[in-house]
């Protein structure tokens, strides 16, 4: 005897599909809202004991950089360059971590 409903008990699949679609739409809206909130958030990092401070947005845009004048030594430019790189990389690492937590916290998604 053949089953009705394409082999799904009770032919309930179409209703479940609608529920899945609604759930996916809710998740997409939530992801978009979370992404916007992340992009507006600011991440600050320092290096050299506060000699260099950078601020990035969650959209990975550098918003500001501050360099203590005492950190500027014409005889040791490499030290200043290293401090800037360290602060920038730390701030971008914070953005990546926050982004990973955002996506990792979404049901059904993993990074």
PDB file of N, CA and C in Angstrom:
ATOM      1  N   UNK A   1       0.847  -1.174   0.000  1.00  0.00           N
ATOM      2  CA  UNK A   1       0.000   0.000   0.000  1.00  0.00           C
ATOM      3  C   UNK A   1       0.890   1.235   0.000  1.00  0.00           C
ATOM      4  N   UNK A   2       0.608   2.175  -0.866  1.00  0.00           N
ATOM      5  CA  UNK A   2       1.418   3.392  -0.995  1.00  0.00           C
ATOM      6  C   UNK A   2       1.048   4.386   0.087  1.00  0.00           C
ATOM      7  N   UNK A   3       2.054   5.102   0.557  1.00  0.00           N
ATOM      8  CA  UNK A   3       1.799   6.157   1.549  1.00  0.00           C
ATOM      9  C   UNK A   3       1.396   7.444   0.858  1.00  0.00           C
ATOM     10  N   UNK A   4       0.641   8.225   1.562  1.00  0.00           N
ATOM     11  CA  UNK A   4       0.257   9.541   1.046  1.00  0.00           C
ATOM     12  C   UNK A   4       1.212  10.579   1.610  1.00  0.00           C
ATOM     13  N   UNK A   5       1.314  11.697   0.957  1.00  0.00           N
ATOM     14  CA  UNK A   5       2.142  12.796   1.469  1.00  0.00           C
ATOM     15  C   UNK A   5       3.610  12.626   1.161  1.00  0.00           C
ATOM     16  N   UNK A   6       3.931  11.876   0.102  1.00  0.00           N
ATOM     17  CA  UNK A   6       5.317  11.773  -0.325  1.00  0.00           C
ATOM     18  C   UNK A   6       6.193  10.991   0.627  1.00  0.00           C
ATOM     19  N   UNK A   7       5.621  10.115   1.411  1.00  0.00           N
ATOM     20  CA  UNK A   7       6.411   9.277   2.289  1.00  0.00           C
ATOM     21  C   UNK A   7       6.671   9.879   3.657  1.00  0.00           C
ATOM     22  N   UNK A   8       6.135  11.032   3.954  1.00  0.00           N
ATOM     23  CA  UNK A   8       6.310  11.658   5.266  1.00  0.00           C
ATOM     24  C   UNK A   8       5.079  11.355   6.106  1.00  0.00           C
ATOM     25  N   UNK A   9       5.266  10.847   7.316  1.00  0.00           N
ATOM     26  CA  UNK A   9       4.119  10.487   8.159  1.00  0.00           C
ATOM     27  C   UNK A   9       3.168  11.662   8.336  1.00  0.00           C
ATOM     28  N   UNK A  10       1.910  11.431   8.058  1.00  0.00           N
ATOM     29  CA  UNK A  10       0.901  12.464   8.236  1.00  0.00           C
ATOM     30  C   UNK A  10       0.988  13.573   7.214  1.00  0.00           C
ATOM     31  N   UNK A  11       1.900  13.469   6.260  1.00  0.00           N
ATOM     32  CA  UNK A  11       2.032  14.526   5.256  1.00  0.00           C
ATOM     33  C   UNK A  11       2.368  15.867   5.872  1.00  0.00           C
ATOM     34  N   UNK A  12       3.047  15.882   7.037  1.00  0.00           N
ATOM     35  CA  UNK A  12       3.290  17.121   7.781  1.00  0.00           C
ATOM     36  C   UNK A  12       4.469  17.937   7.310  1.00  0.00           C
ATOM     37  N   UNK A  13       5.171  17.514   6.341  1.00  0.00           N
ATOM     38  CA  UNK A  13       6.380  18.222   5.914  1.00  0.00           C
ATOM     39  C   UNK A  13       6.139  19.666   5.475  1.00  0.00           C
ATOM     40  N   UNK A  14       5.107  19.957   4.682  1.00  0.00           N
ATOM     41  CA  UNK A  14       4.926  21.352   4.256  1.00  0.00           C
ATOM     42  C   UNK A  14       4.762  22.328   5.424  1.00  0.00           C
ATOM     43  N   UNK A  15       4.060  21.916   6.475  1.00  0.00           N
ATOM     44  CA  UNK A  15       3.922  22.806   7.642  1.00  0.00           C
ATOM     45  C   UNK A  15       5.250  23.026   8.336  1.00  0.00           C
ATOM     46  N   UNK A  16       6.028  21.952   8.435  1.00  0.00           N
ATOM     47  CA  UNK A  16       7.355  22.075   9.044  1.00  0.00           C
ATOM     48  C   UNK A  16       8.259  22.965   8.206  1.00  0.00           C
ATOM     49  N   UNK A  17       8.118  22.909   6.893  1.00  0.00           N
ATOM     50  CA  UNK A  17       8.923  23.743   6.004  1.00  0.00           C
ATOM     51  C   UNK A  17       8.623  25.220   6.249  1.00  0.00           C
ATOM     52  N   UNK A  18       7.352  25.536   6.439  1.00  0.00           N
ATOM     53  CA  UNK A  18       6.979  26.920   6.728  1.00  0.00           C
ATOM     54  C   UNK A  18       7.598  27.382   8.048  1.00  0.00           C
ATOM     55  N   UNK A  19       7.562  26.500   9.044  1.00  0.00           N
ATOM     56  CA  UNK A  19       8.167  26.844  10.336  1.00  0.00           C
ATOM     57  C   UNK A  19       9.668  27.045  10.193  1.00  0.00           C
ATOM     58  N   UNK A  20      10.314  26.179   9.416  1.00  0.00           N
ATOM     59  CA  UNK A  20      11.755  26.317   9.188  1.00  0.00           C
ATOM     60  C   UNK A  20      12.083  27.632   8.485  1.00  0.00           C
ATOM     61  N   UNK A  21      11.278  27.993   7.510  1.00  0.00           N
ATOM     62  CA  UNK A  21      11.495  29.250   6.783  1.00  0.00           C
ATOM     63  C   UNK A  21      11.335  30.450   7.715  1.00  0.00           C
ATOM     64  N   UNK A  22      10.323  30.420   8.555  1.00  0.00           N
ATOM     65  CA  UNK A  22      10.115  31.521   9.505  1.00  0.00           C
ATOM     66  C   UNK A  22      11.282  31.612  10.483  1.00  0.00           C
ATOM     67  N   UNK A  23      11.739  30.450  10.948  1.00  0.00           N
ATOM     68  CA  UNK A  23      12.871  30.435  11.874  1.00  0.00           C
ATOM     69  C   UNK A  23      14.128  30.977  11.191  1.00  0.00           C
ATOM     70  N   UNK A  24      14.341  30.598   9.956  1.00  0.00           N
ATOM     71  CA  UNK A  24      15.510  31.081   9.212  1.00  0.00           C
ATOM     72  C   UNK A  24      15.431  32.589   9.015  1.00  0.00           C
ATOM     73  N   UNK A  25      14.254  33.113   8.735  1.00  0.00           N
ATOM     74  CA  UNK A  25      14.085  34.560   8.561  1.00  0.00           C
ATOM     75  C   UNK A  25      14.355  35.296   9.868  1.00  0.00           C
ATOM     76  N   UNK A  26      13.883  34.734  10.998  1.00  0.00           N
ATOM     77  CA  UNK A  26      14.147  35.347  12.305  1.00  0.00           C
ATOM     78  C   UNK A  26      15.644  35.369  12.594  1.00  0.00           C
ATOM     79  N   UNK A  27      16.300  34.242  12.306  1.00  0.00           N
ATOM     80  CA  UNK A  27      17.744  34.159  12.541  1.00  0.00           C
ATOM     81  C   UNK A  27      18.496  35.162  11.668  1.00  0.00           C
ATOM     82  N   UNK A  28      18.062  35.316  10.428  1.00  0.00           N
ATOM     83  CA  UNK A  28      18.715  36.271   9.526  1.00  0.00           C
ATOM     84  C   UNK A  28      18.547  37.697  10.043  1.00  0.00           C
ATOM     85  N   UNK A  29      17.345  38.040  10.492  1.00  0.00           N
ATOM     86  CA  UNK A  29      17.115  39.381  11.049  1.00  0.00           C
ATOM     87  C   UNK A  29      17.987  39.606  12.278  1.00  0.00           C
ATOM     88  N   UNK A  30      18.060  38.587  13.136  1.00  0.00           N
ATOM     89  CA  UNK A  30      18.864  38.711  14.352  1.00  0.00           C
ATOM     90  C   UNK A  30      20.343  38.872  13.994  1.00  0.00           C
ATOM     91  N   UNK A  31      20.816  38.122  13.009  1.00  0.00           N
ATOM     92  CA  UNK A  31      22.202  38.249  12.581  1.00  0.00           C
ATOM     93  C   UNK A  31      22.486  39.649  12.053  1.00  0.00           C
ATOM     94  N   UNK A  32      21.572  40.189  11.273  1.00  0.00           N
ATOM     95  CA  UNK A  32      21.748  41.536  10.723  1.00  0.00           C
ATOM     96  C   UNK A  32      21.777  42.577  11.839  1.00  0.00           C
ATOM     97  N   UNK A  33      20.896  42.434  12.817  1.00  0.00           N
ATOM     98  CA  UNK A  33      20.881  43.364  13.953  1.00  0.00           C
ATOM     99  C   UNK A  33      22.175  43.257  14.753  1.00  0.00           C
ATOM    100  N   UNK A  34      22.625  42.025  14.996  1.00  0.00           N
ATOM    101  CA  UNK A  34      23.866  41.829  15.743  1.00  0.00           C
ATOM    102  C   UNK A  34      25.066  42.372  14.980  1.00  0.00           C
ATOM    103  N   UNK A  35      25.076  42.171  13.668  1.00  0.00           N
ATOM    104  CA  UNK A  35      26.180  42.678  12.842  1.00  0.00           C
ATOM    105  C   UNK A  35      26.223  44.202  12.905  1.00  0.00           C
ATOM    106  N   UNK A  36      25.062  44.843  12.822  1.00  0.00           N
ATOM    107  CA  UNK A  36      25.013  46.308  12.886  1.00  0.00           C
ATOM    108  C   UNK A  36      25.515  46.792  14.242  1.00  0.00           C
ATOM    109  N   UNK A  37      25.094  46.123  15.315  1.00  0.00           N
ATOM    110  CA  UNK A  37      25.553  46.506  16.654  1.00  0.00           C
ATOM    111  C   UNK A  37      27.064  46.331  16.771  1.00  0.00           C
ATOM    112  N   UNK A  38      27.590  45.247  16.212  1.00  0.00           N
ATOM    113  CA  UNK A  38      29.036  45.017  16.243  1.00  0.00           C
ATOM    114  C   UNK A  38      29.767  46.103  15.479  1.00  0.00           C
ATOM    115  N   UNK A  39      29.265  46.472  14.316  1.00  0.00           N
ATOM    116  CA  UNK A  39      29.924  47.498  13.501  1.00  0.00           C
ATOM    117  C   UNK A  39      29.962  48.845  14.199  1.00  0.00           C
ATOM    118  N   UNK A  40      28.990  49.121  15.061  1.00  0.00           N
ATOM    119  CA  UNK A  40      28.945  50.396  15.769  1.00  0.00           C
ATOM    120  C   UNK A  40      29.786  50.391  17.042  1.00  0.00           C
ATOM    121  N   UNK A  41      30.147  49.209  17.509  1.00  0.00           N
ATOM    122  CA  UNK A  41      30.929  49.088  18.737  1.00  0.00           C
ATOM    123  C   UNK A  41      32.373  49.518  18.475  1.00  0.00           C
ATOM    124  N   UNK A  42      33.034  50.031  19.503  1.00  0.00           N
ATOM    125  CA  UNK A  42      34.428  50.446  19.385  1.00  0.00           C
ATOM    126  C   UNK A  42      35.326  49.528  20.192  1.00  0.00           C
ATOM    127  N   UNK A  43      36.508  49.266  19.649  1.00  0.00           N
ATOM    128  CA  UNK A  43      37.508  48.407  20.277  1.00  0.00           C
ATOM    129  C   UNK A  43      38.795  49.201  20.408  1.00  0.00           C
ATOM    130  N   UNK A  44      39.321  49.265  21.624  1.00  0.00           N
ATOM    131  CA  UNK A  44      40.518  50.053  21.909  1.00  0.00           C
ATOM    132  C   UNK A  44      41.637  49.125  22.355  1.00  0.00           C
ATOM    133  N   UNK A  45      42.826  49.395  21.845  1.00  0.00           N
ATOM    134  CA  UNK A  45      44.004  48.633  22.259  1.00  0.00           C
ATOM    135  C   UNK A  45      45.165  49.594  22.430  1.00  0.00           C
ATOM    136  N   UNK A  46      46.055  49.252  23.364  1.00  0.00           N
ATOM    137  CA  UNK A  46      47.237  50.067  23.605  1.00  0.00           C
ATOM    138  C   UNK A  46      48.477  49.197  23.572  1.00  0.00           C
ATOM    139  N   UNK A  47      49.607  49.844  23.407  1.00  0.00           N
ATOM    140  CA  UNK A  47      50.887  49.148  23.499  1.00  0.00           C
ATOM    141  C   UNK A  47      51.920  50.127  24.028  1.00  0.00           C
ATOM    142  N   UNK A  48      53.058  49.573  24.402  1.00  0.00           N
ATOM    143  CA  UNK A  48      54.124  50.421  24.930  1.00  0.00           C
ATOM    144  C   UNK A  48      53.725  51.101  26.217  1.00  0.00           C
ATOM    145  N   UNK A  49      52.950  50.405  27.051  1.00  0.00           N
ATOM    146  CA  UNK A  49      52.529  50.996  28.316  1.00  0.00           C
ATOM    147  C   UNK A  49      51.625  52.204  28.139  1.00  0.00           C
ATOM    148  N   UNK A  50      50.863  52.221  27.059  1.00  0.00           N
ATOM    149  CA  UNK A  50      49.949  53.329  26.796  1.00  0.00           C
ATOM    150  C   UNK A  50      50.535  54.375  25.862  1.00  0.00           C
ATOM    151  N   UNK A  51      51.734  54.117  25.345  1.00  0.00           N
ATOM    152  CA  UNK A  51      52.362  55.085  24.440  1.00  0.00           C
ATOM    153  C   UNK A  51      51.612  55.183  23.115  1.00  0.00           C
ATOM    154  N   UNK A  52      50.992  54.087  22.692  1.00  0.00           N
ATOM    155  CA  UNK A  52      50.207  54.067  21.459  1.00  0.00           C
ATOM    156  C   UNK A  52      48.833  53.514  21.780  1.00  0.00           C
ATOM    157  N   UNK A  53      47.810  54.224  21.343  1.00  0.00           N
ATOM    158  CA  UNK A  53      46.425  53.793  21.534  1.00  0.00           C
ATOM    159  C   UNK A  53      45.703  53.890  20.197  1.00  0.00           C
ATOM    160  N   UNK A  54      45.024  52.811  19.830  1.00  0.00           N
ATOM    161  CA  UNK A  54      44.226  52.811  18.609  1.00  0.00           C
ATOM    162  C   UNK A  54      42.794  52.433  18.946  1.00  0.00           C
ATOM    163  N   UNK A  55      41.880  52.959  18.146  1.00  0.00           N
ATOM    164  CA  UNK A  55      40.460  52.643  18.298  1.00  0.00           C
ATOM    165  C   UNK A  55      39.943  52.210  16.937  1.00  0.00           C
ATOM    166  N   UNK A  56      39.315  51.032  16.906  1.00  0.00           N
ATOM    167  CA  UNK A  56      38.700  50.500  15.696  1.00  0.00           C
ATOM    168  C   UNK A  56      37.213  50.316  15.943  1.00  0.00           C
ATOM    169  N   UNK A  57      36.441  50.385  14.860  1.00  0.00           N
ATOM    170  CA  UNK A  57      35.038  50.002  14.942  1.00  0.00           C
ATOM    171  C   UNK A  57      34.945  48.508  14.655  1.00  0.00           C
ATOM    172  N   UNK A  58      33.797  47.936  14.941  1.00  0.00           N
ATOM    173  CA  UNK A  58      33.572  46.532  14.647  1.00  0.00           C
ATOM    174  C   UNK A  58      33.578  46.245  13.159  1.00  0.00           C
ATOM    175  N   UNK A  59      33.505  47.293  12.341  1.00  0.00           N
ATOM    176  CA  UNK A  59      33.584  47.144  10.885  1.00  0.00           C
ATOM    177  C   UNK A  59      35.035  47.168  10.413  1.00  0.00           C
ATOM    178  N   UNK A  60      35.972  47.108  11.371  1.00  0.00           N
ATOM    179  CA  UNK A  60      37.411  47.099  11.098  1.00  0.00           C
ATOM    180  C   UNK A  60      37.903  48.396  10.468  1.00  0.00           C
ATOM    181  N   UNK A  61      37.308  49.489  10.864  1.00  0.00           N
ATOM    182  CA  UNK A  61      37.740  50.810  10.415  1.00  0.00           C
ATOM    183  C   UNK A  61      38.465  51.480  11.573  1.00  0.00           C
ATOM    184  N   UNK A  62      39.701  51.932  11.318  1.00  0.00           N
ATOM    185  CA  UNK A  62      40.438  52.626  12.376  1.00  0.00           C
ATOM    186  C   UNK A  62      39.808  53.998  12.564  1.00  0.00           C
ATOM    187  N   UNK A  63      39.389  54.244  13.782  1.00  0.00           N
ATOM    188  CA  UNK A  63      38.710  55.497  14.097  1.00  0.00           C
ATOM    189  C   UNK A  63      39.702  56.543  14.599  1.00  0.00           C
ATOM    190  N   UNK A  64      40.699  56.091  15.364  1.00  0.00           N
ATOM    191  CA  UNK A  64      41.693  57.044  15.847  1.00  0.00           C
ATOM    192  C   UNK A  64      42.973  56.323  16.244  1.00  0.00           C
ATOM    193  N   UNK A  65      44.034  57.097  16.272  1.00  0.00           N
ATOM    194  CA  UNK A  65      45.319  56.617  16.760  1.00  0.00           C
ATOM    195  C   UNK A  65      45.936  57.767  17.557  1.00  0.00           C
ATOM    196  N   UNK A  66      46.432  57.448  18.733  1.00  0.00           N
ATOM    197  CA  UNK A  66      47.084  58.455  19.583  1.00  0.00           C
ATOM    198  C   UNK A  66      48.472  57.941  19.933  1.00  0.00           C
ATOM    199  N   UNK A  67      49.450  58.831  19.760  1.00  0.00           N
ATOM    200  CA  UNK A  67      50.838  58.477  20.057  1.00  0.00           C
ATOM    201  C   UNK A  67      51.367  59.490  21.054  1.00  0.00           C
ATOM    202  N   UNK A  68      51.834  58.990  22.174  1.00  0.00           N
ATOM    203  CA  UNK A  68      52.440  59.841  23.189  1.00  0.00           C
ATOM    204  C   UNK A  68      53.713  60.455  22.596  1.00  0.00           C
ATOM    205  N   UNK A  69      53.841  61.782  22.644  1.00  0.00           N
ATOM    206  CA  UNK A  69      55.034  62.421  22.078  1.00  0.00           C
ATOM    207  C   UNK A  69      56.342  61.861  22.641  1.00  0.00           C
ATOM    208  N   UNK A  70      56.320  61.385  23.876  1.00  0.00           N
ATOM    209  CA  UNK A  70      57.538  60.815  24.464  1.00  0.00           C
ATOM    210  C   UNK A  70      57.936  59.505  23.778  1.00  0.00           C
ATOM    211  N   UNK A  71      57.004  58.883  23.067  1.00  0.00           N
ATOM    212  CA  UNK A  71      57.290  57.624  22.385  1.00  0.00           C
ATOM    213  C   UNK A  71      57.995  57.855  21.052  1.00  0.00           C
ATOM    214  N   UNK A  72      58.040  59.107  20.618  1.00  0.00           N
ATOM    215  CA  UNK A  72      58.648  59.428  19.332  1.00  0.00           C
ATOM    216  C   UNK A  72      60.128  59.721  19.547  1.00  0.00           C
ATOM    217  N   UNK A  73      60.937  58.743  19.164  1.00  0.00           N
ATOM    218  CA  UNK A  73      62.389  58.873  19.270  1.00  0.00           C
ATOM    219  C   UNK A  73      62.956  58.725  17.863  1.00  0.00           C
ATOM    220  N   UNK A  74      63.439  59.810  17.275  1.00  0.00           N
ATOM    221  CA  UNK A  74      63.965  59.735  15.910  1.00  0.00           C
ATOM    222  C   UNK A  74      65.080  58.686  15.754  1.00  0.00           C
ATOM    223  N   UNK A  75      65.728  58.342  16.846  1.00  0.00           N
ATOM    224  CA  UNK A  75      66.802  57.349  16.809  1.00  0.00           C
ATOM    225  C   UNK A  75      66.264  55.915  16.856  1.00  0.00           C
ATOM    226  N   UNK A  76      64.980  55.757  17.187  1.00  0.00           N
ATOM    227  CA  UNK A  76      64.409  54.409  17.326  1.00  0.00           C
ATOM    228  C   UNK A  76      63.002  54.357  16.734  1.00  0.00           C
ATOM    229  N   UNK A  77      62.899  54.618  15.455  1.00  0.00           N
ATOM    230  CA  UNK A  77      61.615  54.608  14.766  1.00  0.00           C
ATOM    231  C   UNK A  77      61.015  53.196  14.761  1.00  0.00           C
ATOM    232  N   UNK A  78      61.862  52.187  14.706  1.00  0.00           N
ATOM    233  CA  UNK A  78      61.374  50.810  14.677  1.00  0.00           C
ATOM    234  C   UNK A  78      60.553  50.470  15.918  1.00  0.00           C
ATOM    235  N   UNK A  79      60.950  50.992  17.063  1.00  0.00           N
ATOM    236  CA  UNK A  79      60.197  50.740  18.293  1.00  0.00           C
ATOM    237  C   UNK A  79      58.780  51.304  18.166  1.00  0.00           C
ATOM    238  N   UNK A  80      58.650  52.516  17.662  1.00  0.00           N
ATOM    239  CA  UNK A  80      57.335  53.137  17.475  1.00  0.00           C
ATOM    240  C   UNK A  80      56.511  52.326  16.475  1.00  0.00           C
ATOM    241  N   UNK A  81      57.139  51.898  15.391  1.00  0.00           N
ATOM    242  CA  UNK A  81      56.432  51.083  14.404  1.00  0.00           C
ATOM    243  C   UNK A  81      55.918  49.788  15.027  1.00  0.00           C
ATOM    244  N   UNK A  82      56.740  49.156  15.838  1.00  0.00           N
ATOM    245  CA  UNK A  82      56.326  47.918  16.506  1.00  0.00           C
ATOM    246  C   UNK A  82      55.161  48.155  17.456  1.00  0.00           C
ATOM    247  N   UNK A  83      55.203  49.268  18.179  1.00  0.00           N
ATOM    248  CA  UNK A  83      54.100  49.568  19.104  1.00  0.00           C
ATOM    249  C   UNK A  83      52.802  49.800  18.344  1.00  0.00           C
ATOM    250  N   UNK A  84      52.888  50.479  17.210  1.00  0.00           N
ATOM    251  CA  UNK A  84      51.694  50.729  16.398  1.00  0.00           C
ATOM    252  C   UNK A  84      51.145  49.402  15.870  1.00  0.00           C
ATOM    253  N   UNK A  85      52.017  48.572  15.320  1.00  0.00           N
ATOM    254  CA  UNK A  85      51.574  47.270  14.815  1.00  0.00           C
ATOM    255  C   UNK A  85      50.921  46.431  15.907  1.00  0.00           C
ATOM    256  N   UNK A  86      51.529  46.425  17.076  1.00  0.00           N
ATOM    257  CA  UNK A  86      50.987  45.642  18.187  1.00  0.00           C
ATOM    258  C   UNK A  86      49.594  46.126  18.568  1.00  0.00           C
ATOM    259  N   UNK A  87      49.429  47.431  18.697  1.00  0.00           N
ATOM    260  CA  UNK A  87      48.124  47.980  19.083  1.00  0.00           C
ATOM    261  C   UNK A  87      47.074  47.703  18.017  1.00  0.00           C
ATOM    262  N   UNK A  88      47.434  47.885  16.747  1.00  0.00           N
ATOM    263  CA  UNK A  88      46.484  47.645  15.653  1.00  0.00           C
ATOM    264  C   UNK A  88      46.071  46.175  15.627  1.00  0.00           C
ATOM    265  N   UNK A  89      47.048  45.289  15.705  1.00  0.00           N
ATOM    266  CA  UNK A  89      46.731  43.860  15.667  1.00  0.00           C
ATOM    267  C   UNK A  89      45.907  43.430  16.875  1.00  0.00           C
ATOM    268  N   UNK A  90      46.178  43.993  18.035  1.00  0.00           N
ATOM    269  CA  UNK A  90      45.381  43.668  19.221  1.00  0.00           C
ATOM    270  C   UNK A  90      43.935  44.122  19.046  1.00  0.00           C
ATOM    271  N   UNK A  91      43.739  45.334  18.542  1.00  0.00           N
ATOM    272  CA  UNK A  91      42.375  45.842  18.347  1.00  0.00           C
ATOM    273  C   UNK A  91      41.627  44.996  17.320  1.00  0.00           C
ATOM    274  N   UNK A  92      42.287  44.664  16.212  1.00  0.00           N
ATOM    275  CA  UNK A  92      41.633  43.832  15.206  1.00  0.00           C
ATOM    276  C   UNK A  92      41.342  42.439  15.745  1.00  0.00           C
ATOM    277  N   UNK A  93      42.202  41.934  16.608  1.00  0.00           N
ATOM    278  CA  UNK A  93      41.942  40.658  17.264  1.00  0.00           C
ATOM    279  C   UNK A  93      40.697  40.712  18.128  1.00  0.00           C
ATOM    280  N   UNK A  94      40.499  41.839  18.807  1.00  0.00           N
ATOM    281  CA  UNK A  94      39.291  42.017  19.619  1.00  0.00           C
ATOM    282  C   UNK A  94      38.046  42.002  18.735  1.00  0.00           C
ATOM    283  N   UNK A  95      38.133  42.667  17.582  1.00  0.00           N
ATOM    284  CA  UNK A  95      37.000  42.692  16.653  1.00  0.00           C
ATOM    285  C   UNK A  95      36.693  41.273  16.180  1.00  0.00           C
ATOM    286  N   UNK A  96      37.728  40.531  15.800  1.00  0.00           N
ATOM    287  CA  UNK A  96      37.533  39.162  15.332  1.00  0.00           C
ATOM    288  C   UNK A  96      36.926  38.281  16.420  1.00  0.00           C
ATOM    289  N   UNK A  97      37.411  38.444  17.642  1.00  0.00           N
ATOM    290  CA  UNK A  97      36.879  37.650  18.752  1.00  0.00           C
ATOM    291  C   UNK A  97      35.401  37.957  18.981  1.00  0.00           C
ATOM    292  N   UNK A  98      35.057  39.241  18.985  1.00  0.00           N
ATOM    293  CA  UNK A  98      33.658  39.631  19.187  1.00  0.00           C
ATOM    294  C   UNK A  98      32.787  39.109  18.047  1.00  0.00           C
ATOM    295  N   UNK A  99      33.306  39.159  16.838  1.00  0.00           N
ATOM    296  CA  UNK A  99      32.564  38.654  15.691  1.00  0.00           C
ATOM    297  C   UNK A  99      32.363  37.149  15.799  1.00  0.00           C
ATOM    298  N   UNK A 100      33.392  36.437  16.206  1.00  0.00           N
ATOM    299  CA  UNK A 100      33.288  34.994  16.382  1.00  0.00           C
ATOM    300  C   UNK A 100      32.289  34.617  17.454  1.00  0.00           C
ATOM    301  N   UNK A 101      32.284  35.378  18.551  1.00  0.00           N
ATOM    302  CA  UNK A 101      31.315  35.114  19.618  1.00  0.00           C
ATOM    303  C   UNK A 101      29.904  35.389  19.131  1.00  0.00           C
ATOM    304  N   UNK A 102      29.749  36.433  18.340  1.00  0.00           N
ATOM    305  CA  UNK A 102      28.427  36.780  17.799  1.00  0.00           C
ATOM    306  C   UNK A 102      27.911  35.647  16.925  1.00  0.00           C
ATOM    307  N   UNK A 103      28.719  35.177  16.012  1.00  0.00           N
ATOM    308  CA  UNK A 103      28.281  34.127  15.099  1.00  0.00           C
ATOM    309  C   UNK A 103      28.208  32.780  15.823  1.00  0.00           C
ATOM    310  N   UNK A 104      29.125  32.535  16.733  1.00  0.00           N
ATOM    311  CA  UNK A 104      29.117  31.289  17.474  1.00  0.00           C
ATOM    312  C   UNK A 104      27.926  31.184  18.404  1.00  0.00           C
ATOM    313  N   UNK A 105      27.373  32.322  18.812  1.00  0.00           N
ATOM    314  CA  UNK A 105      26.243  32.336  19.724  1.00  0.00           C
ATOM    315  C   UNK A 105      24.898  32.175  19.027  1.00  0.00           C
ATOM    316  N   UNK A 106      24.935  32.186  17.694  1.00  0.00           N
ATOM    317  CA  UNK A 106      23.686  32.028  16.952  1.00  0.00           C
ATOM    318  C   UNK A 106      23.323  30.546  16.881  1.00  0.00           C
ATOM    319  N   UNK A 107      22.089  30.197  17.180  1.00  0.00           N
ATOM    320  CA  UNK A 107      21.689  28.799  17.115  1.00  0.00           C
ATOM    321  C   UNK A 107      21.881  28.239  15.720  1.00  0.00           C
ATOM    322  N   UNK A 108      22.465  27.064  15.639  1.00  0.00           N
ATOM    323  CA  UNK A 108      22.622  26.393  14.374  1.00  0.00           C
ATOM    324  C   UNK A 108      23.803  26.858  13.552  1.00  0.00           C
ATOM    325  N   UNK A 109      24.575  27.811  14.051  1.00  0.00           N
ATOM    326  CA  UNK A 109      25.734  28.305  13.313  1.00  0.00           C
ATOM    327  C   UNK A 109      26.991  28.025  14.101  1.00  0.00           C
ATOM    328  N   UNK A 110      28.029  27.717  13.393  1.00  0.00           N
ATOM    329  CA  UNK A 110      29.323  27.580  14.039  1.00  0.00           C
ATOM    330  C   UNK A 110      30.387  28.132  13.116  1.00  0.00           C
ATOM    331  N   UNK A 111      31.453  28.599  13.687  1.00  0.00           N
ATOM    332  CA  UNK A 111      32.537  29.193  12.903  1.00  0.00           C
ATOM    333  C   UNK A 111      33.643  28.181  12.767  1.00  0.00           C
TER     334      UNK A 111
END
